[in-house]
Amino acid sequence: MDPEALCQELSETATTRTRRSLHVIHDVCRDQKNSGATDFSYATIGRLSKKRGGIGERSIYNPTASGKIYRQQIDAWARHATTSIKKKPQQRIVDDWSILNAIDKSSVRAEVSILLSRLSKLEGQISEFRRAANEDRVILLGASPGAGSLNLLSEDERSALRRAISPAFLSQQNWICDESNDIRTLRGARVLPREYVVAIQKILGEPDGRGRSTAKRIAEGKSL
């Protein structure tokens, strides 16, 4: 039954004192519903009613005729508030790639497919960045365009790679770096090909952009 109609019906047979307390409860419940609150427990309504000069929780629980009236009114408002709340439409979870099935034009479908691929790649890179940040790793942004994965090295690892092609290290091994960037012994035997130095430079994101060979830089005693 509608709470308003129920309140009028219950008031007709209630005593003056019970009627006054019933109307306080009725007003409290109406305010609860209008405010969007969903708590219509006897304890909460009793507490709010008492603040307005009405009866408290104990009177609502009393196994008397008046206690039953109070509980009926509160229960009516609780049901009314529940049925009045509109359920939010459940969001439909759609797989991104399933969108392609709804596209008839092949050219548009191909474009969307490319965009989804790029989105997937970016999401993967973002995940890598987050993991690297949580692990205090150094994120290298100097990788060549189109690199398939992120190069993630600690500073100690970067230092170790720099030392592997440093003038001091090559000198300790009695090696030299020739004009073609091959690493050779003092007698000219090739120890490592030029790709060794170039690969390390790319990993570190520190290629020699000035166009000079690694050999000349080593000869000048400069680090790579």
N, C-alpha and C. Protein backbone atom coordinates (compact mmCIF):
# COMPACT_ATOMS: atom_id res chain seq x y z
N MET A 1 0.84 -1.19 0.00
CA MET A 1 0.00 0.00 0.00
C MET A 1 0.87 1.24 0.00
N ASP A 2 0.37 2.31 -0.60
CA ASP A 2 1.08 3.58 -0.63
C ASP A 2 1.24 4.11 0.79
N PRO A 3 2.44 4.59 1.15
CA PRO A 3 2.69 5.05 2.53
C PRO A 3 1.75 6.17 2.96
N GLU A 4 1.38 7.05 2.05
CA GLU A 4 0.48 8.16 2.41
C GLU A 4 -0.89 7.62 2.80
N ALA A 5 -1.39 6.71 1.96
CA ALA A 5 -2.71 6.13 2.23
C ALA A 5 -2.69 5.29 3.50
N LEU A 6 -1.59 4.56 3.72
CA LEU A 6 -1.47 3.73 4.91
C LEU A 6 -1.46 4.58 6.17
N CYS A 7 -0.76 5.71 6.10
CA CYS A 7 -0.69 6.58 7.27
C CYS A 7 -2.08 7.09 7.65
N GLN A 8 -2.87 7.45 6.66
CA GLN A 8 -4.22 7.93 6.94
C GLN A 8 -5.08 6.80 7.54
N GLU A 9 -4.91 5.59 6.99
CA GLU A 9 -5.70 4.46 7.48
C GLU A 9 -5.34 4.11 8.91
N LEU A 10 -4.04 4.09 9.21
CA LEU A 10 -3.60 3.75 10.56
C LEU A 10 -3.98 4.84 11.56
N SER A 11 -4.00 6.07 11.11
CA SER A 11 -4.33 7.19 12.00
C SER A 11 -5.78 7.14 12.47
N GLU A 12 -6.65 6.54 11.69
CA GLU A 12 -8.08 6.52 12.01
C GLU A 12 -8.38 5.71 13.27
N THR A 13 -7.58 4.67 13.50
CA THR A 13 -7.85 3.81 14.67
C THR A 13 -6.85 4.01 15.80
N ALA A 14 -5.85 4.87 15.59
CA ALA A 14 -4.81 5.07 16.61
C ALA A 14 -5.24 6.08 17.66
N THR A 15 -4.60 5.99 18.82
CA THR A 15 -4.85 6.98 19.87
C THR A 15 -4.19 8.29 19.48
N THR A 16 -4.53 9.34 20.20
CA THR A 16 -3.98 10.66 19.88
C THR A 16 -2.45 10.65 19.98
N ARG A 17 -1.95 10.04 21.02
CA ARG A 17 -0.49 9.99 21.23
C ARG A 17 0.19 9.16 20.13
N THR A 18 -0.41 8.00 19.83
CA THR A 18 0.16 7.15 18.79
C THR A 18 0.09 7.84 17.43
N ARG A 19 -1.03 8.55 17.18
CA ARG A 19 -1.19 9.25 15.91
C ARG A 19 -0.10 10.30 15.72
N ARG A 20 0.17 11.05 16.80
CA ARG A 20 1.21 12.09 16.69
C ARG A 20 2.57 11.46 16.41
N SER A 21 2.91 10.37 17.10
CA SER A 21 4.19 9.70 16.88
C SER A 21 4.26 9.08 15.48
N LEU A 22 3.11 8.58 15.00
CA LEU A 22 3.05 7.98 13.66
C LEU A 22 3.36 9.02 12.59
N HIS A 23 2.82 10.22 12.75
CA HIS A 23 3.04 11.28 11.77
C HIS A 23 4.50 11.73 11.76
N VAL A 24 5.14 11.72 12.92
CA VAL A 24 6.57 12.06 12.96
C VAL A 24 7.37 11.02 12.18
N ILE A 25 7.05 9.76 12.43
CA ILE A 25 7.73 8.68 11.70
C ILE A 25 7.47 8.79 10.20
N HIS A 26 6.23 9.10 9.86
CA HIS A 26 5.86 9.25 8.45
C HIS A 26 6.68 10.36 7.79
N ASP A 27 6.83 11.48 8.48
CA ASP A 27 7.60 12.61 7.93
C ASP A 27 9.09 12.26 7.80
N VAL A 28 9.61 11.55 8.80
CA VAL A 28 11.01 11.14 8.77
C VAL A 28 11.27 10.23 7.57
N CYS A 29 10.38 9.26 7.38
CA CYS A 29 10.54 8.31 6.26
C CYS A 29 10.42 9.01 4.92
N ARG A 30 9.50 9.96 4.81
CA ARG A 30 9.35 10.69 3.56
C ARG A 30 10.62 11.49 3.24
N ASP A 31 11.20 12.12 4.27
CA ASP A 31 12.44 12.88 4.06
C ASP A 31 13.59 11.95 3.67
N GLN A 32 13.64 10.77 4.26
CA GLN A 32 14.67 9.78 3.91
C GLN A 32 14.55 9.41 2.44
N LYS A 33 13.34 9.16 2.01
CA LYS A 33 13.12 8.76 0.62
C LYS A 33 13.46 9.90 -0.34
N ASN A 34 13.05 11.11 -0.04
CA ASN A 34 13.30 12.26 -0.92
C ASN A 34 14.79 12.61 -1.00
N SER A 35 15.53 12.30 0.07
CA SER A 35 16.97 12.59 0.06
C SER A 35 17.77 11.52 -0.67
N GLY A 36 17.09 10.45 -1.07
CA GLY A 36 17.79 9.37 -1.77
C GLY A 36 18.37 8.32 -0.84
N ALA A 37 18.14 8.46 0.46
CA ALA A 37 18.65 7.49 1.43
C ALA A 37 17.89 6.17 1.29
N THR A 38 18.57 5.08 1.58
CA THR A 38 17.94 3.76 1.49
C THR A 38 17.88 3.05 2.84
N ASP A 39 18.30 3.74 3.89
CA ASP A 39 18.31 3.13 5.22
C ASP A 39 16.97 3.41 5.92
N PHE A 40 16.12 2.39 5.98
CA PHE A 40 14.84 2.50 6.68
C PHE A 40 14.78 1.50 7.84
N SER A 41 15.93 1.26 8.42
CA SER A 41 15.97 0.35 9.57
C SER A 41 15.25 1.01 10.75
N TYR A 42 14.73 0.17 11.61
CA TYR A 42 14.01 0.70 12.78
C TYR A 42 14.94 1.56 13.65
N ALA A 43 16.19 1.16 13.74
CA ALA A 43 17.15 1.91 14.56
C ALA A 43 17.36 3.32 14.01
N THR A 44 17.54 3.41 12.68
CA THR A 44 17.78 4.72 12.06
C THR A 44 16.55 5.60 12.14
N ILE A 45 15.39 5.06 11.79
CA ILE A 45 14.16 5.86 11.83
C ILE A 45 13.84 6.27 13.26
N GLY A 46 14.08 5.37 14.22
CA GLY A 46 13.84 5.71 15.63
C GLY A 46 14.74 6.84 16.09
N ARG A 47 16.00 6.79 15.68
CA ARG A 47 16.95 7.85 16.08
C ARG A 47 16.54 9.20 15.50
N LEU A 48 16.17 9.21 14.22
CA LEU A 48 15.76 10.46 13.56
C LEU A 48 14.44 10.97 14.13
N SER A 49 13.55 10.04 14.44
CA SER A 49 12.26 10.43 15.01
C SER A 49 12.43 11.08 16.38
N LYS A 50 13.32 10.52 17.16
CA LYS A 50 13.55 11.05 18.51
C LYS A 50 14.11 12.46 18.46
N LYS A 51 14.93 12.74 17.44
CA LYS A 51 15.49 14.08 17.27
C LYS A 51 14.40 15.11 17.01
N ARG A 52 13.27 14.65 16.46
CA ARG A 52 12.16 15.55 16.15
C ARG A 52 11.08 15.53 17.23
N GLY A 53 11.42 14.92 18.35
CA GLY A 53 10.47 14.88 19.45
C GLY A 53 9.53 13.70 19.40
N GLY A 54 9.79 12.73 18.53
CA GLY A 54 8.94 11.56 18.43
C GLY A 54 9.45 10.41 19.25
N ILE A 55 8.94 9.22 18.96
CA ILE A 55 9.34 8.04 19.71
C ILE A 55 10.70 7.53 19.20
N GLY A 56 11.36 6.68 20.04
CA GLY A 56 12.65 6.14 19.68
C GLY A 56 12.58 4.70 19.23
N GLU A 57 13.73 4.09 19.08
CA GLU A 57 13.83 2.72 18.57
C GLU A 57 13.08 1.73 19.45
N ARG A 58 13.17 1.91 20.78
CA ARG A 58 12.56 0.95 21.70
C ARG A 58 11.05 0.88 21.50
N SER A 59 10.44 2.03 21.30
CA SER A 59 8.98 2.05 21.11
C SER A 59 8.57 1.40 19.81
N ILE A 60 9.42 1.49 18.80
CA ILE A 60 9.11 0.87 17.51
C ILE A 60 9.13 -0.65 17.65
N TYR A 61 10.05 -1.17 18.46
CA TYR A 61 10.17 -2.61 18.64
C TYR A 61 9.15 -3.18 19.63
N ASN A 62 8.45 -2.31 20.37
CA ASN A 62 7.51 -2.80 21.39
C ASN A 62 6.46 -3.72 20.77
N PRO A 63 6.20 -4.89 21.40
CA PRO A 63 5.19 -5.82 20.87
C PRO A 63 3.77 -5.40 21.23
N THR A 64 3.51 -4.11 21.04
CA THR A 64 2.19 -3.56 21.35
C THR A 64 1.51 -3.16 20.05
N ALA A 65 0.25 -2.73 20.18
CA ALA A 65 -0.50 -2.31 18.99
C ALA A 65 0.15 -1.09 18.34
N SER A 66 0.62 -0.16 19.18
CA SER A 66 1.25 1.05 18.63
C SER A 66 2.58 0.70 17.97
N GLY A 67 3.35 -0.22 18.58
CA GLY A 67 4.61 -0.62 17.97
C GLY A 67 4.40 -1.26 16.61
N LYS A 68 3.33 -2.04 16.48
CA LYS A 68 3.02 -2.67 15.20
C LYS A 68 2.67 -1.61 14.15
N ILE A 69 1.96 -0.57 14.56
CA ILE A 69 1.60 0.52 13.64
C ILE A 69 2.85 1.22 13.11
N TYR A 70 3.79 1.50 14.01
CA TYR A 70 5.02 2.18 13.60
C TYR A 70 5.81 1.32 12.60
N ARG A 71 5.87 0.03 12.92
CA ARG A 71 6.62 -0.87 12.03
C ARG A 71 5.97 -0.99 10.66
N GLN A 72 4.65 -1.03 10.63
CA GLN A 72 3.93 -1.09 9.36
C GLN A 72 4.24 0.13 8.50
N GLN A 73 4.25 1.29 9.13
CA GLN A 73 4.49 2.53 8.38
C GLN A 73 5.92 2.57 7.84
N ILE A 74 6.86 2.17 8.67
CA ILE A 74 8.26 2.17 8.23
C ILE A 74 8.47 1.16 7.11
N ASP A 75 7.89 -0.03 7.24
CA ASP A 75 8.04 -1.06 6.21
C ASP A 75 7.43 -0.62 4.89
N ALA A 76 6.33 0.11 4.96
CA ALA A 76 5.68 0.60 3.74
C ALA A 76 6.59 1.58 3.01
N TRP A 77 7.23 2.46 3.77
CA TRP A 77 8.15 3.41 3.15
C TRP A 77 9.38 2.71 2.59
N ALA A 78 9.86 1.70 3.27
CA ALA A 78 11.03 0.95 2.80
C ALA A 78 10.74 0.29 1.46
N ARG A 79 9.54 -0.32 1.35
CA ARG A 79 9.16 -0.94 0.07
C ARG A 79 8.97 0.10 -1.02
N HIS A 80 8.36 1.22 -0.66
CA HIS A 80 8.11 2.28 -1.63
C HIS A 80 9.43 2.86 -2.16
N ALA A 81 10.39 3.06 -1.26
CA ALA A 81 11.68 3.61 -1.68
C ALA A 81 12.43 2.65 -2.58
N THR A 82 12.32 1.35 -2.27
CA THR A 82 13.02 0.34 -3.06
C THR A 82 12.47 0.26 -4.48
N THR A 83 11.16 0.28 -4.61
CA THR A 83 10.55 0.18 -5.94
C THR A 83 10.69 1.45 -6.74
N SER A 84 10.95 2.56 -6.07
CA SER A 84 11.09 3.85 -6.77
C SER A 84 12.46 4.04 -7.37
N ILE A 85 13.45 3.29 -6.86
CA ILE A 85 14.82 3.43 -7.36
C ILE A 85 14.93 2.76 -8.72
N LYS A 86 15.27 3.52 -9.71
CA LYS A 86 15.42 2.97 -11.05
C LYS A 86 16.75 2.24 -11.15
N LYS A 87 16.68 1.04 -11.64
CA LYS A 87 17.90 0.27 -11.82
C LYS A 87 18.71 0.84 -12.97
N LYS A 88 19.99 1.02 -12.72
CA LYS A 88 20.87 1.51 -13.78
C LYS A 88 21.04 0.43 -14.83
N PRO A 89 20.94 0.82 -16.09
CA PRO A 89 21.14 -0.19 -17.14
C PRO A 89 22.54 -0.76 -17.08
N GLN A 90 22.62 -2.06 -17.13
CA GLN A 90 23.92 -2.72 -17.05
C GLN A 90 24.71 -2.47 -18.32
N GLN A 91 25.91 -1.99 -18.16
CA GLN A 91 26.74 -1.70 -19.32
C GLN A 91 27.15 -2.99 -20.00
N ARG A 92 27.07 -2.96 -21.29
CA ARG A 92 27.41 -4.12 -22.06
C ARG A 92 28.90 -4.11 -22.37
N ILE A 93 29.56 -5.16 -21.97
CA ILE A 93 30.99 -5.25 -22.22
C ILE A 93 31.21 -5.82 -23.61
N VAL A 94 31.83 -5.02 -24.47
CA VAL A 94 32.01 -5.42 -25.86
C VAL A 94 33.50 -5.53 -26.16
N ASP A 95 33.86 -6.60 -26.79
CA ASP A 95 35.24 -6.77 -27.22
C ASP A 95 35.52 -5.77 -28.34
N ASP A 96 36.63 -5.03 -28.21
CA ASP A 96 36.95 -4.01 -29.21
C ASP A 96 36.94 -4.57 -30.62
N TRP A 97 37.50 -5.74 -30.77
CA TRP A 97 37.65 -6.31 -32.11
C TRP A 97 36.32 -6.74 -32.71
N SER A 98 35.30 -6.95 -31.88
CA SER A 98 34.00 -7.35 -32.40
C SER A 98 33.33 -6.22 -33.18
N ILE A 99 33.83 -5.00 -32.98
CA ILE A 99 33.29 -3.86 -33.72
C ILE A 99 33.49 -4.05 -35.21
N LEU A 100 34.55 -4.72 -35.58
CA LEU A 100 34.86 -4.92 -36.99
C LEU A 100 33.74 -5.67 -37.71
N ASN A 101 33.06 -6.55 -36.98
CA ASN A 101 32.00 -7.34 -37.60
C ASN A 101 30.82 -6.49 -38.03
N ALA A 102 30.69 -5.31 -37.43
CA ALA A 102 29.56 -4.45 -37.75
C ALA A 102 29.88 -3.45 -38.87
N ILE A 103 31.11 -3.49 -39.36
CA ILE A 103 31.52 -2.57 -40.43
C ILE A 103 31.49 -3.28 -41.77
N ASP A 104 30.66 -2.79 -42.66
CA ASP A 104 30.49 -3.45 -43.97
C ASP A 104 31.58 -3.05 -44.96
N LYS A 105 31.94 -1.79 -44.95
CA LYS A 105 32.90 -1.29 -45.93
C LYS A 105 34.30 -1.78 -45.58
N SER A 106 34.92 -2.47 -46.52
CA SER A 106 36.22 -3.10 -46.25
C SER A 106 37.31 -2.08 -45.94
N SER A 107 37.30 -0.93 -46.62
CA SER A 107 38.34 0.07 -46.39
C SER A 107 38.25 0.65 -44.98
N VAL A 108 37.03 0.91 -44.55
CA VAL A 108 36.83 1.43 -43.19
C VAL A 108 37.20 0.37 -42.16
N ARG A 109 36.84 -0.88 -42.45
CA ARG A 109 37.17 -1.97 -41.54
C ARG A 109 38.68 -2.11 -41.38
N ALA A 110 39.41 -1.93 -42.47
CA ALA A 110 40.86 -2.03 -42.43
C ALA A 110 41.45 -0.89 -41.59
N GLU A 111 40.92 0.32 -41.76
CA GLU A 111 41.41 1.47 -40.99
C GLU A 111 41.17 1.27 -39.50
N VAL A 112 39.97 0.79 -39.15
CA VAL A 112 39.65 0.56 -37.74
C VAL A 112 40.54 -0.54 -37.17
N SER A 113 40.83 -1.55 -37.97
CA SER A 113 41.70 -2.63 -37.52
C SER A 113 43.09 -2.10 -37.18
N ILE A 114 43.60 -1.21 -38.03
CA ILE A 114 44.92 -0.61 -37.77
C ILE A 114 44.90 0.20 -36.47
N LEU A 115 43.83 0.98 -36.29
CA LEU A 115 43.73 1.79 -35.07
C LEU A 115 43.65 0.92 -33.82
N LEU A 116 42.92 -0.18 -33.91
CA LEU A 116 42.81 -1.08 -32.76
C LEU A 116 44.15 -1.72 -32.44
N SER A 117 44.91 -2.03 -33.48
CA SER A 117 46.24 -2.61 -33.27
C SER A 117 47.15 -1.63 -32.56
N ARG A 118 47.10 -0.38 -33.00
CA ARG A 118 47.93 0.65 -32.35
C ARG A 118 47.50 0.87 -30.91
N LEU A 119 46.19 0.86 -30.68
CA LEU A 119 45.68 1.03 -29.32
C LEU A 119 46.17 -0.09 -28.42
N SER A 120 46.11 -1.31 -28.92
CA SER A 120 46.56 -2.47 -28.15
C SER A 120 48.04 -2.35 -27.81
N LYS A 121 48.83 -1.89 -28.78
CA LYS A 121 50.27 -1.73 -28.55
C LYS A 121 50.54 -0.66 -27.49
N LEU A 122 49.80 0.46 -27.57
CA LEU A 122 49.98 1.53 -26.60
C LEU A 122 49.59 1.09 -25.19
N GLU A 123 48.52 0.32 -25.09
CA GLU A 123 48.11 -0.18 -23.78
C GLU A 123 49.18 -1.09 -23.19
N GLY A 124 49.81 -1.89 -24.05
CA GLY A 124 50.89 -2.75 -23.57
C GLY A 124 52.08 -1.95 -23.09
N GLN A 125 52.41 -0.87 -23.82
CA GLN A 125 53.53 -0.03 -23.42
C GLN A 125 53.24 0.69 -22.11
N ILE A 126 52.00 1.13 -21.94
CA ILE A 126 51.62 1.80 -20.69
C ILE A 126 51.79 0.84 -19.51
N SER A 127 51.41 -0.41 -19.72
CA SER A 127 51.57 -1.41 -18.66
C SER A 127 53.04 -1.60 -18.32
N GLU A 128 53.90 -1.59 -19.36
CA GLU A 128 55.34 -1.72 -19.13
C GLU A 128 55.88 -0.54 -18.34
N PHE A 129 55.41 0.66 -18.68
CA PHE A 129 55.85 1.85 -17.96
C PHE A 129 55.46 1.77 -16.49
N ARG A 130 54.25 1.32 -16.24
CA ARG A 130 53.79 1.22 -14.85
C ARG A 130 54.61 0.21 -14.06
N ARG A 131 54.89 -0.94 -14.68
CA ARG A 131 55.70 -1.95 -13.99
C ARG A 131 57.11 -1.42 -13.73
N ALA A 132 57.66 -0.72 -14.72
CA ALA A 132 59.01 -0.18 -14.56
C ALA A 132 59.05 0.85 -13.44
N ALA A 133 58.00 1.69 -13.36
CA ALA A 133 57.95 2.71 -12.31
C ALA A 133 57.86 2.06 -10.93
N ASN A 134 57.09 1.00 -10.82
CA ASN A 134 56.95 0.31 -9.53
C ASN A 134 58.24 -0.39 -9.10
N GLU A 135 59.07 -0.75 -10.08
CA GLU A 135 60.30 -1.47 -9.78
C GLU A 135 61.53 -0.57 -9.81
N ASP A 136 61.30 0.74 -9.93
CA ASP A 136 62.41 1.72 -9.96
C ASP A 136 63.40 1.42 -11.08
N ARG A 137 62.89 1.03 -12.22
CA ARG A 137 63.76 0.78 -13.36
C ARG A 137 63.86 2.02 -14.23
N VAL A 138 64.96 2.13 -14.97
CA VAL A 138 65.15 3.25 -15.89
C VAL A 138 64.45 2.91 -17.20
N ILE A 139 63.63 3.83 -17.69
CA ILE A 139 62.91 3.62 -18.94
C ILE A 139 63.63 4.38 -20.05
N LEU A 140 64.11 3.66 -21.03
CA LEU A 140 64.86 4.27 -22.13
C LEU A 140 63.93 4.65 -23.26
N LEU A 141 63.93 5.91 -23.60
CA LEU A 141 63.08 6.39 -24.66
C LEU A 141 63.86 6.59 -25.96
N GLY A 142 65.11 6.19 -25.99
CA GLY A 142 65.95 6.42 -27.16
C GLY A 142 65.94 5.29 -28.14
N ALA A 143 65.05 4.31 -27.97
CA ALA A 143 65.01 3.20 -28.91
C ALA A 143 64.56 3.68 -30.27
N SER A 144 65.04 3.02 -31.31
CA SER A 144 64.70 3.43 -32.67
C SER A 144 63.21 3.29 -32.91
N PRO A 145 62.63 4.13 -33.78
CA PRO A 145 61.20 4.05 -34.05
C PRO A 145 60.83 2.66 -34.55
N GLY A 146 59.69 2.18 -34.12
CA GLY A 146 59.22 0.88 -34.57
C GLY A 146 59.76 -0.26 -33.74
N ALA A 147 60.49 0.05 -32.68
CA ALA A 147 61.00 -1.03 -31.83
C ALA A 147 59.83 -1.80 -31.25
N GLY A 148 59.97 -3.10 -31.26
CA GLY A 148 58.85 -3.94 -30.84
C GLY A 148 58.61 -3.93 -29.35
N SER A 149 59.60 -3.58 -28.56
CA SER A 149 59.40 -3.61 -27.11
C SER A 149 60.22 -2.51 -26.48
N LEU A 150 59.94 -2.21 -25.23
CA LEU A 150 60.67 -1.19 -24.49
C LEU A 150 61.98 -1.75 -23.97
N ASN A 151 63.02 -0.92 -24.04
CA ASN A 151 64.31 -1.31 -23.46
C ASN A 151 64.35 -0.80 -22.03
N LEU A 152 64.37 -1.71 -21.09
CA LEU A 152 64.32 -1.31 -19.69
C LEU A 152 65.57 -1.79 -18.99
N LEU A 153 66.40 -0.86 -18.59
CA LEU A 153 67.67 -1.18 -17.95
C LEU A 153 67.84 -0.35 -16.69
N SER A 154 68.52 -0.94 -15.70
CA SER A 154 68.87 -0.16 -14.52
C SER A 154 70.10 0.68 -14.86
N GLU A 155 70.40 1.64 -14.00
CA GLU A 155 71.55 2.51 -14.26
C GLU A 155 72.86 1.71 -14.21
N ASP A 156 72.93 0.71 -13.34
CA ASP A 156 74.12 -0.13 -13.26
C ASP A 156 74.32 -0.91 -14.56
N GLU A 157 73.20 -1.38 -15.12
CA GLU A 157 73.28 -2.11 -16.39
C GLU A 157 73.73 -1.20 -17.53
N ARG A 158 73.26 0.02 -17.51
CA ARG A 158 73.69 1.00 -18.53
C ARG A 158 75.18 1.28 -18.40
N SER A 159 75.65 1.43 -17.16
CA SER A 159 77.07 1.72 -16.93
C SER A 159 77.94 0.56 -17.40
N ALA A 160 77.45 -0.67 -17.18
CA ALA A 160 78.21 -1.84 -17.60
C ALA A 160 78.35 -1.88 -19.13
N LEU A 161 77.28 -1.52 -19.82
CA LEU A 161 77.34 -1.51 -21.29
C LEU A 161 78.27 -0.40 -21.79
N ARG A 162 78.21 0.76 -21.15
CA ARG A 162 79.12 1.85 -21.55
C ARG A 162 80.58 1.42 -21.38
N ARG A 163 80.85 0.75 -20.26
CA ARG A 163 82.23 0.33 -20.00
C ARG A 163 82.71 -0.68 -21.03
N ALA A 164 81.78 -1.51 -21.54
CA ALA A 164 82.17 -2.55 -22.50
C ALA A 164 82.74 -1.98 -23.79
N ILE A 165 82.42 -0.72 -24.10
CA ILE A 165 82.96 -0.10 -25.32
C ILE A 165 83.74 1.17 -25.00
N SER A 166 84.14 1.30 -23.74
CA SER A 166 84.89 2.49 -23.33
C SER A 166 86.37 2.36 -23.71
N PRO A 167 87.06 3.48 -23.95
CA PRO A 167 88.49 3.45 -24.27
C PRO A 167 89.31 2.72 -23.21
N ALA A 168 88.96 2.92 -21.93
CA ALA A 168 89.73 2.31 -20.85
C ALA A 168 89.64 0.79 -20.91
N PHE A 169 88.44 0.28 -21.15
CA PHE A 169 88.26 -1.17 -21.18
C PHE A 169 88.97 -1.77 -22.39
N LEU A 170 88.83 -1.14 -23.56
CA LEU A 170 89.48 -1.66 -24.77
C LEU A 170 91.00 -1.67 -24.60
N SER A 171 91.51 -0.63 -23.95
CA SER A 171 92.95 -0.55 -23.75
C SER A 171 93.44 -1.66 -22.82
N GLN A 172 92.66 -1.96 -21.79
CA GLN A 172 93.04 -3.03 -20.86
C GLN A 172 93.11 -4.38 -21.57
N GLN A 173 92.29 -4.57 -22.58
CA GLN A 173 92.28 -5.83 -23.32
C GLN A 173 93.28 -5.86 -24.48
N ASN A 174 94.02 -4.72 -24.63
CA ASN A 174 94.94 -4.58 -25.78
C ASN A 174 94.18 -4.66 -27.11
N TRP A 175 93.02 -4.01 -27.09
CA TRP A 175 92.20 -3.96 -28.29
C TRP A 175 92.15 -2.51 -28.80
N ILE A 176 91.79 -2.40 -30.05
CA ILE A 176 91.58 -1.07 -30.64
C ILE A 176 90.30 -1.12 -31.46
N CYS A 177 89.78 0.05 -31.74
CA CYS A 177 88.60 0.16 -32.58
C CYS A 177 89.03 0.87 -33.86
N ASP A 178 88.93 0.17 -35.00
CA ASP A 178 89.45 0.75 -36.23
C ASP A 178 88.44 1.72 -36.87
N GLU A 179 88.78 2.20 -38.06
CA GLU A 179 87.95 3.21 -38.73
C GLU A 179 86.55 2.71 -39.06
N SER A 180 86.43 1.40 -39.25
CA SER A 180 85.12 0.84 -39.59
C SER A 180 84.33 0.44 -38.35
N ASN A 181 84.90 0.74 -37.17
CA ASN A 181 84.28 0.42 -35.88
C ASN A 181 84.40 -1.05 -35.49
N ASP A 182 85.19 -1.83 -36.24
CA ASP A 182 85.51 -3.19 -35.82
C ASP A 182 86.48 -3.12 -34.64
N ILE A 183 86.31 -4.01 -33.68
CA ILE A 183 87.24 -4.09 -32.56
C ILE A 183 88.27 -5.17 -32.87
N ARG A 184 89.57 -4.79 -32.86
CA ARG A 184 90.63 -5.71 -33.25
C ARG A 184 91.73 -5.74 -32.19
N THR A 185 92.56 -6.77 -32.29
CA THR A 185 93.75 -6.83 -31.44
C THR A 185 94.78 -5.87 -32.01
N LEU A 186 95.88 -5.68 -31.25
CA LEU A 186 96.94 -4.79 -31.73
C LEU A 186 97.59 -5.33 -33.01
N ARG A 187 97.47 -6.62 -33.25
CA ARG A 187 98.03 -7.22 -34.46
C ARG A 187 97.05 -7.21 -35.63
N GLY A 188 95.84 -6.68 -35.39
CA GLY A 188 94.89 -6.55 -36.49
C GLY A 188 93.83 -7.63 -36.58
N ALA A 189 93.88 -8.63 -35.73
CA ALA A 189 92.86 -9.66 -35.77
C ALA A 189 91.54 -9.12 -35.22
N ARG A 190 90.49 -9.36 -35.97
CA ARG A 190 89.20 -8.83 -35.53
C ARG A 190 88.64 -9.65 -34.37
N VAL A 191 88.30 -8.96 -33.30
CA VAL A 191 87.74 -9.60 -32.13
C VAL A 191 86.21 -9.54 -32.17
N LEU A 192 85.72 -8.35 -32.47
CA LEU A 192 84.27 -8.15 -32.53
C LEU A 192 83.93 -7.27 -33.73
N PRO A 193 82.84 -7.54 -34.42
CA PRO A 193 82.46 -6.73 -35.58
C PRO A 193 81.90 -5.38 -35.15
N ARG A 194 81.78 -4.47 -36.09
CA ARG A 194 81.30 -3.11 -35.80
C ARG A 194 79.89 -3.11 -35.20
N GLU A 195 79.10 -4.14 -35.55
CA GLU A 195 77.73 -4.20 -35.04
C GLU A 195 77.69 -4.29 -33.51
N TYR A 196 78.79 -4.79 -32.93
CA TYR A 196 78.88 -4.89 -31.47
C TYR A 196 78.76 -3.51 -30.83
N VAL A 197 79.56 -2.58 -31.32
CA VAL A 197 79.55 -1.22 -30.78
C VAL A 197 78.25 -0.51 -31.12
N VAL A 198 77.82 -0.64 -32.38
CA VAL A 198 76.60 0.03 -32.82
C VAL A 198 75.38 -0.47 -32.03
N ALA A 199 75.33 -1.78 -31.78
CA ALA A 199 74.20 -2.35 -31.04
C ALA A 199 74.14 -1.79 -29.62
N ILE A 200 75.30 -1.70 -28.98
CA ILE A 200 75.32 -1.17 -27.61
C ILE A 200 74.91 0.28 -27.59
N GLN A 201 75.37 1.03 -28.59
CA GLN A 201 74.97 2.44 -28.68
C GLN A 201 73.47 2.59 -28.83
N LYS A 202 72.88 1.73 -29.65
CA LYS A 202 71.43 1.81 -29.85
C LYS A 202 70.67 1.41 -28.59
N ILE A 203 71.16 0.39 -27.91
CA ILE A 203 70.50 -0.03 -26.67
C ILE A 203 70.51 1.10 -25.65
N LEU A 204 71.65 1.79 -25.58
CA LEU A 204 71.78 2.90 -24.64
C LEU A 204 71.08 4.15 -25.12
N GLY A 205 70.70 4.15 -26.40
CA GLY A 205 70.07 5.35 -26.95
C GLY A 205 71.05 6.47 -27.09
N GLU A 206 72.34 6.14 -27.33
CA GLU A 206 73.39 7.15 -27.41
C GLU A 206 74.23 6.96 -28.67
N PRO A 207 73.61 6.94 -29.86
CA PRO A 207 74.41 6.82 -31.08
C PRO A 207 75.21 8.08 -31.34
N ASP A 208 76.31 7.95 -32.09
CA ASP A 208 77.14 9.11 -32.41
C ASP A 208 76.48 9.87 -33.55
N GLY A 209 75.67 10.84 -33.20
CA GLY A 209 74.93 11.58 -34.21
C GLY A 209 75.76 12.58 -34.97
N ARG A 210 77.02 12.75 -34.67
CA ARG A 210 77.84 13.74 -35.35
C ARG A 210 78.55 13.17 -36.58
N GLY A 211 78.30 11.87 -36.84
CA GLY A 211 78.85 11.30 -38.07
C GLY A 211 80.29 10.86 -37.98
N ARG A 212 80.90 10.93 -36.81
CA ARG A 212 82.29 10.49 -36.68
C ARG A 212 82.32 9.04 -36.26
N SER A 213 83.33 8.33 -36.64
CA SER A 213 83.44 6.92 -36.31
C SER A 213 83.76 6.75 -34.83
N THR A 214 83.41 5.58 -34.30
CA THR A 214 83.73 5.27 -32.90
C THR A 214 85.22 5.28 -32.68
N ALA A 215 85.96 4.84 -33.68
CA ALA A 215 87.43 4.80 -33.55
C ALA A 215 87.98 6.19 -33.26
N LYS A 216 87.49 7.21 -33.96
CA LYS A 216 87.99 8.57 -33.75
C LYS A 216 87.61 9.08 -32.37
N ARG A 217 86.42 8.70 -31.94
CA ARG A 217 86.00 9.14 -30.62
C ARG A 217 86.85 8.49 -29.53
N ILE A 218 87.15 7.20 -29.72
CA ILE A 218 88.01 6.52 -28.76
C ILE A 218 89.40 7.12 -28.76
N ALA A 219 89.88 7.44 -29.93
CA ALA A 219 91.20 8.03 -30.04
C ALA A 219 91.28 9.37 -29.31
N GLU A 220 90.12 10.07 -29.28
CA GLU A 220 90.10 11.35 -28.61
C GLU A 220 89.86 11.18 -27.09
N GLY A 221 89.67 9.92 -26.69
CA GLY A 221 89.48 9.64 -25.26
C GLY A 221 88.13 10.01 -24.75
N LYS A 222 87.10 10.05 -25.65
CA LYS A 222 85.75 10.43 -25.23
C LYS A 222 84.92 9.17 -25.06
N SER A 223 83.98 9.22 -24.09
CA SER A 223 83.14 8.07 -23.84
C SER A 223 82.07 7.97 -24.90
N LEU A 224 81.47 6.79 -24.97
CA LEU A 224 80.44 6.55 -25.98
C LEU A 224 79.06 6.70 -25.38
